[in-house]
């Protein structure tokens, strides 16, 4: 029986399913008898590591040029694997899958629900299920999120999509989506401005601002409209009386037109 002085061993190399060796396959105690011939391959042996050194081993395997990286690259070629296995004496093919534990009499048993992996030192013994409440570094909110039934419950758990915002007409309230302001609600608008926003037509708008309104008749005190005076022929008077008559006729026409006060 080939024994490696480690408590729990994990194979981190490429899987060899036809030979019963799978990536991250774990072994407790001794290497199973059916896998012992594989351990004669240096590259395979290089990639069987103690579970306590798993993180470091994986990191080393990812660095080009290291022994573990070279071993992984070599075993990634199926031709290399078959070439190495063909050199082994007394090799026994194994087609099973999973993690196997070797018993006291050398028999193999598959790890499963009814045959949990006996990992010492872990809470609940080997193979026990992990519950949400048993996660020691999770917050209450985190645990609640793991238990929610759907997305809606998740949003409720973290307060997403909820608000204390009130829809109303007060200063701190929000307006409804279908809110339409009235003219009276417009602050800063003058009375005339608001009146112009409610006129029925253009004519009413002109009336509101006094556009197009006829000017009143002129007076001696105010400007206004006057008519064109009637025509007055040039005077041909040959004496004062005739000239006075023509002049008075002109004055009369100017008064009629509104140019002169009556």
Protein backbone atom coordinates (compact mmCIF):
# COMPACT_ATOMS: atom_id res chain seq x y z
CA UNK A 1 0.00 0.00 0.00
CA UNK A 2 1.49 3.37 -1.10
CA UNK A 3 1.14 5.92 1.66
CA UNK A 4 1.72 9.67 1.42
CA UNK A 5 2.21 11.32 4.78
CA UNK A 6 -0.70 13.76 4.47
CA UNK A 7 -4.15 13.78 6.10
CA UNK A 8 -6.35 14.78 3.13
CA UNK A 9 -4.93 14.76 -0.38
CA UNK A 10 -6.34 16.41 -3.51
CA UNK A 11 -5.34 15.86 -7.12
CA UNK A 12 -5.25 19.22 -8.97
CA UNK A 13 -4.06 18.05 -12.38
CA UNK A 14 -6.01 17.41 -15.61
CA UNK A 15 -8.65 14.67 -15.25
CA UNK A 16 -7.91 11.14 -16.43
CA UNK A 17 -11.49 9.78 -16.38
CA UNK A 18 -10.71 6.49 -18.08
CA UNK A 19 -8.31 5.71 -15.22
CA UNK A 20 -10.58 6.87 -12.39
CA UNK A 21 -8.57 9.99 -11.53
CA UNK A 22 -10.48 13.27 -11.59
CA UNK A 23 -9.44 16.84 -10.96
CA UNK A 24 -9.98 17.79 -7.32
CA UNK A 25 -10.55 14.16 -6.41
CA UNK A 26 -9.85 13.80 -2.69
CA UNK A 27 -8.33 10.98 -0.69
CA UNK A 28 -8.37 10.50 3.08
CA UNK A 29 -5.37 8.74 4.52
CA UNK A 30 -3.75 6.34 2.02
CA UNK A 31 -3.87 6.60 -1.76
CA UNK A 32 -6.47 4.03 -2.97
CA UNK A 33 -4.91 0.85 -4.23
CA UNK A 34 -6.33 1.24 -7.74
CA UNK A 35 -4.54 4.59 -8.06
CA UNK A 36 -1.19 3.47 -6.69
CA UNK A 37 0.27 2.71 -10.16
CA UNK A 38 -0.54 6.29 -11.25
CA UNK A 39 1.56 7.63 -8.39
CA UNK A 40 4.60 6.18 -10.14
CA UNK A 41 4.20 8.94 -12.75
CA UNK A 42 6.24 11.87 -11.47
CA UNK A 43 3.95 14.51 -13.01
CA UNK A 44 0.85 13.00 -11.44
CA UNK A 45 2.55 12.70 -8.07
CA UNK A 46 3.61 16.37 -8.32
CA UNK A 47 -0.04 17.42 -8.54
CA UNK A 48 -1.32 15.44 -5.52
CA UNK A 49 -1.21 18.02 -2.70
CA UNK A 50 -2.22 18.40 0.92
CA UNK A 51 -5.60 20.15 1.24
CA UNK A 52 -3.93 22.64 3.60
CA UNK A 53 -1.60 23.71 0.77
CA UNK A 54 -4.26 23.75 -1.96
CA UNK A 55 -4.31 27.52 -2.51
CA UNK A 56 -0.55 27.78 -2.75
CA UNK A 57 -0.33 24.75 -5.04
CA UNK A 58 -2.94 26.13 -7.46
CA UNK A 59 -1.14 29.46 -7.55
CA UNK A 60 2.17 27.74 -8.30
CA UNK A 61 0.53 25.64 -11.00
CA UNK A 62 -0.61 28.83 -12.78
CA UNK A 63 2.94 30.27 -12.93
CA UNK A 64 4.78 29.32 -16.10
CA UNK A 65 8.05 27.50 -15.50
CA UNK A 66 7.26 26.04 -12.06
CA UNK A 67 7.36 22.28 -11.52
CA UNK A 68 3.61 22.11 -10.99
CA UNK A 69 2.95 24.16 -14.13
CA UNK A 70 5.22 21.90 -16.17
CA UNK A 71 3.48 18.83 -14.77
CA UNK A 72 0.03 20.24 -15.58
CA UNK A 73 1.03 21.15 -19.15
CA UNK A 74 2.57 17.69 -19.67
CA UNK A 75 -0.50 15.84 -18.40
CA UNK A 76 -2.84 18.05 -20.46
CA UNK A 77 -1.67 16.11 -23.52
CA UNK A 78 -3.58 12.77 -23.60
CA UNK A 79 -0.75 11.20 -25.64
CA UNK A 80 1.70 11.90 -22.84
CA UNK A 81 -0.63 10.34 -20.28
CA UNK A 82 -1.09 7.16 -22.31
CA UNK A 83 2.64 6.95 -22.92
CA UNK A 84 3.33 7.15 -19.18
CA UNK A 85 0.59 4.68 -18.26
CA UNK A 86 1.81 2.18 -20.84
CA UNK A 87 5.05 1.95 -18.86
CA UNK A 88 3.32 0.91 -15.65
CA UNK A 89 3.37 -2.70 -14.47
CA UNK A 90 0.27 -4.30 -13.00
CA UNK A 91 -1.89 -1.31 -13.80
CA UNK A 92 -5.60 -1.85 -13.15
CA UNK A 93 -8.09 0.18 -15.19
CA UNK A 94 -10.84 1.88 -13.24
CA UNK A 95 -13.87 3.59 -14.79
CA UNK A 96 -15.60 4.96 -11.72
CA UNK A 97 -16.11 8.62 -10.91
CA UNK A 98 -16.16 10.60 -7.68
CA UNK A 99 -14.33 10.50 -4.35
CA UNK A 100 -13.52 7.12 -2.81
CA UNK A 101 -12.49 6.16 0.72
CA UNK A 102 -10.44 3.03 1.32
CA UNK A 103 -11.63 0.97 4.25
CA UNK A 104 -9.64 -1.02 6.78
CA UNK A 105 -9.66 -4.10 4.54
CA UNK A 106 -8.67 -2.21 1.39
CA UNK A 107 -12.18 -2.00 -0.02
CA UNK A 108 -13.29 1.24 -1.74
CA UNK A 109 -16.52 3.08 -0.97
CA UNK A 110 -17.89 6.03 -2.90
CA UNK A 111 -18.42 9.22 -0.93
CA UNK A 112 -22.06 10.30 -1.06
CA UNK A 113 -25.08 11.32 0.98
CA UNK A 114 -25.15 8.05 2.90
CA UNK A 115 -21.36 7.83 3.09
CA UNK A 116 -20.05 11.34 3.90
CA UNK A 117 -16.40 12.28 3.79
CA UNK A 118 -15.08 11.99 7.38
CA UNK A 119 -13.22 15.28 7.69
CA UNK A 120 -12.11 15.72 11.28
CA UNK A 121 -12.17 19.11 12.96
CA UNK A 122 -15.05 20.57 10.93
CA UNK A 123 -18.34 21.51 12.56
CA UNK A 124 -20.99 18.87 12.06
CA UNK A 125 -18.54 16.06 11.16
CA UNK A 126 -17.88 14.82 7.67
CA UNK A 127 -20.39 15.42 4.91
CA UNK A 128 -22.84 17.48 6.97
CA UNK A 129 -24.89 20.08 5.13
CA UNK A 130 -24.12 23.79 5.59
CA UNK A 131 -27.09 25.93 6.60
CA UNK A 132 -27.43 29.67 6.13
CA UNK A 133 -27.45 30.28 9.88
CA UNK A 134 -24.22 28.31 10.30
CA UNK A 135 -22.23 30.81 8.22
CA UNK A 136 -20.36 32.62 10.96
CA UNK A 137 -19.15 35.71 9.08
CA UNK A 138 -22.42 36.53 7.30
CA UNK A 139 -24.46 39.51 8.46
CA UNK A 140 -28.19 39.28 9.21
CA UNK A 141 -28.96 41.09 5.94
CA UNK A 142 -26.73 38.70 4.02
CA UNK A 143 -28.43 35.68 5.57
CA UNK A 144 -31.86 37.11 4.78
CA UNK A 145 -30.84 37.58 1.14
CA UNK A 146 -29.81 33.93 0.95
CA UNK A 147 -33.28 32.91 2.15
CA UNK A 148 -35.47 35.14 -0.05
CA UNK A 149 -37.86 33.40 -2.42
CA UNK A 150 -37.70 35.85 -5.31
CA UNK A 151 -36.35 39.18 -6.57
CA UNK A 152 -39.23 41.12 -5.04
CA UNK A 153 -38.44 39.74 -1.59
CA UNK A 154 -34.75 40.58 -2.12
CA UNK A 155 -35.62 44.22 -2.89
CA UNK A 156 -37.79 44.34 0.22
CA UNK A 157 -34.94 42.91 2.31
CA UNK A 158 -32.56 45.70 1.31
CA UNK A 159 -35.16 48.47 0.98
CA UNK A 160 -34.67 48.85 -2.77
CA UNK A 161 -37.48 50.56 -4.66
CA UNK A 162 -39.14 51.88 -1.48
CA UNK A 163 -39.40 55.52 -0.40
CA UNK A 164 -41.10 57.84 2.09
CA UNK A 165 -41.86 60.27 -0.73
CA UNK A 166 -45.44 61.62 -0.52
CA UNK A 167 -47.50 62.63 -3.52
CA UNK A 168 -49.52 65.75 -2.83
CA UNK A 169 -49.67 69.53 -3.05
CA UNK A 170 -47.60 70.55 -0.02
CA UNK A 171 -44.16 72.15 -0.36
CA UNK A 172 -42.29 68.89 0.35
CA UNK A 173 -44.69 66.66 -1.60
CA UNK A 174 -44.04 65.26 -5.06
CA UNK A 175 -46.38 65.98 -7.94
CA UNK A 176 -48.29 63.12 -9.49
CA UNK A 177 -47.12 61.90 -12.87
CA UNK A 178 -50.30 63.16 -14.56
CA UNK A 179 -50.19 66.57 -12.85
CA UNK A 180 -51.00 69.56 -15.11
CA UNK A 181 -50.65 73.06 -13.59
CA UNK A 182 -53.32 75.75 -14.01
CA UNK A 183 -52.52 79.34 -15.00
CA UNK A 184 -53.19 80.44 -11.42
CA UNK A 185 -50.46 78.04 -10.22
CA UNK A 186 -47.72 79.83 -12.17
CA UNK A 187 -45.69 81.89 -9.75
CA UNK A 188 -44.02 85.11 -10.89
CA UNK A 189 -46.56 85.84 -13.64
CA UNK A 190 -48.33 89.25 -13.63
CA UNK A 191 -52.08 89.62 -13.78
CA UNK A 192 -51.83 90.75 -17.42
CA UNK A 193 -49.56 87.79 -18.25
CA UNK A 194 -52.05 85.34 -16.74
CA UNK A 195 -54.89 87.11 -18.60
CA UNK A 196 -53.04 86.70 -21.91
CA UNK A 197 -52.69 82.95 -21.26
CA UNK A 198 -56.46 82.58 -20.96
CA UNK A 199 -57.67 84.69 -23.93
CA UNK A 200 -59.88 82.90 -26.42
CA UNK A 201 -58.33 84.24 -29.60
CA UNK A 202 -55.91 86.74 -31.14
CA UNK A 203 -58.47 89.53 -31.18
CA UNK A 204 -58.98 89.14 -27.43
CA UNK A 205 -55.18 89.20 -26.95
CA UNK A 206 -54.94 92.50 -28.90
CA UNK A 207 -57.74 93.94 -26.83
CA UNK A 208 -55.97 92.88 -23.61
CA UNK A 209 -52.82 94.79 -24.53
CA UNK A 210 -54.54 97.63 -26.39
CA UNK A 211 -53.15 96.67 -29.79
CA UNK A 212 -55.18 97.95 -32.80
CA UNK A 213 -57.60 100.03 -30.69
CA UNK A 214 -58.78 103.24 -32.58
CA UNK A 215 -57.34 106.47 -31.15
CA UNK A 216 -59.97 108.92 -29.85
CA UNK A 217 -60.62 112.28 -31.48
CA UNK A 218 -58.03 114.95 -30.88
CA UNK A 219 -58.74 117.72 -28.41
CA UNK A 220 -56.94 120.87 -27.49
CA UNK A 221 -55.45 118.93 -24.55
CA UNK A 222 -54.72 115.51 -26.08
CA UNK A 223 -53.55 113.96 -29.33
CA UNK A 224 -56.13 112.14 -31.35
CA UNK A 225 -57.32 111.32 -34.82
CA UNK A 226 -58.38 113.98 -37.32
CA UNK A 227 -59.86 113.73 -40.78
CA UNK A 228 -58.47 115.15 -43.92
CA UNK A 229 -59.92 118.60 -44.54
CA UNK A 230 -61.98 119.18 -47.64
CA UNK A 231 -60.20 120.73 -50.60
CA UNK A 232 -59.91 124.51 -50.63
CA UNK A 233 -59.17 126.22 -53.91
CA UNK A 234 -56.57 128.91 -54.13
CA UNK A 235 -58.00 132.34 -53.46
CA UNK A 236 -58.51 134.61 -56.46
CA UNK A 237 -60.00 137.42 -54.41
CA UNK A 238 -59.27 140.94 -55.69
CA UNK A 239 -60.35 142.70 -52.54
CA UNK A 240 -60.38 142.24 -48.79
CA UNK A 241 -63.95 141.01 -48.63
CA UNK A 242 -63.28 138.25 -51.12
CA UNK A 243 -60.10 137.23 -49.31
CA UNK A 244 -61.96 137.11 -45.96
CA UNK A 245 -64.60 134.89 -47.51
CA UNK A 246 -62.03 132.43 -48.88
CA UNK A 247 -60.18 132.37 -45.54
CA UNK A 248 -63.32 131.73 -43.50
CA UNK A 249 -64.21 128.89 -45.89
CA UNK A 250 -60.82 127.26 -45.16
CA UNK A 251 -61.31 127.67 -41.42
CA UNK A 252 -64.67 125.99 -41.63
CA UNK A 253 -63.24 123.00 -43.47
CA UNK A 254 -60.42 122.64 -40.88
CA UNK A 255 -62.96 122.68 -38.04
CA UNK A 256 -65.03 120.04 -39.81
CA UNK A 257 -61.94 117.82 -40.19
CA UNK A 258 -61.15 118.26 -36.49
CA UNK A 259 -57.94 120.20 -37.00
CA UNK A 260 -59.37 123.29 -35.30
CA UNK A 261 -61.58 123.37 -32.29
CA UNK A 262 -65.18 124.34 -33.12
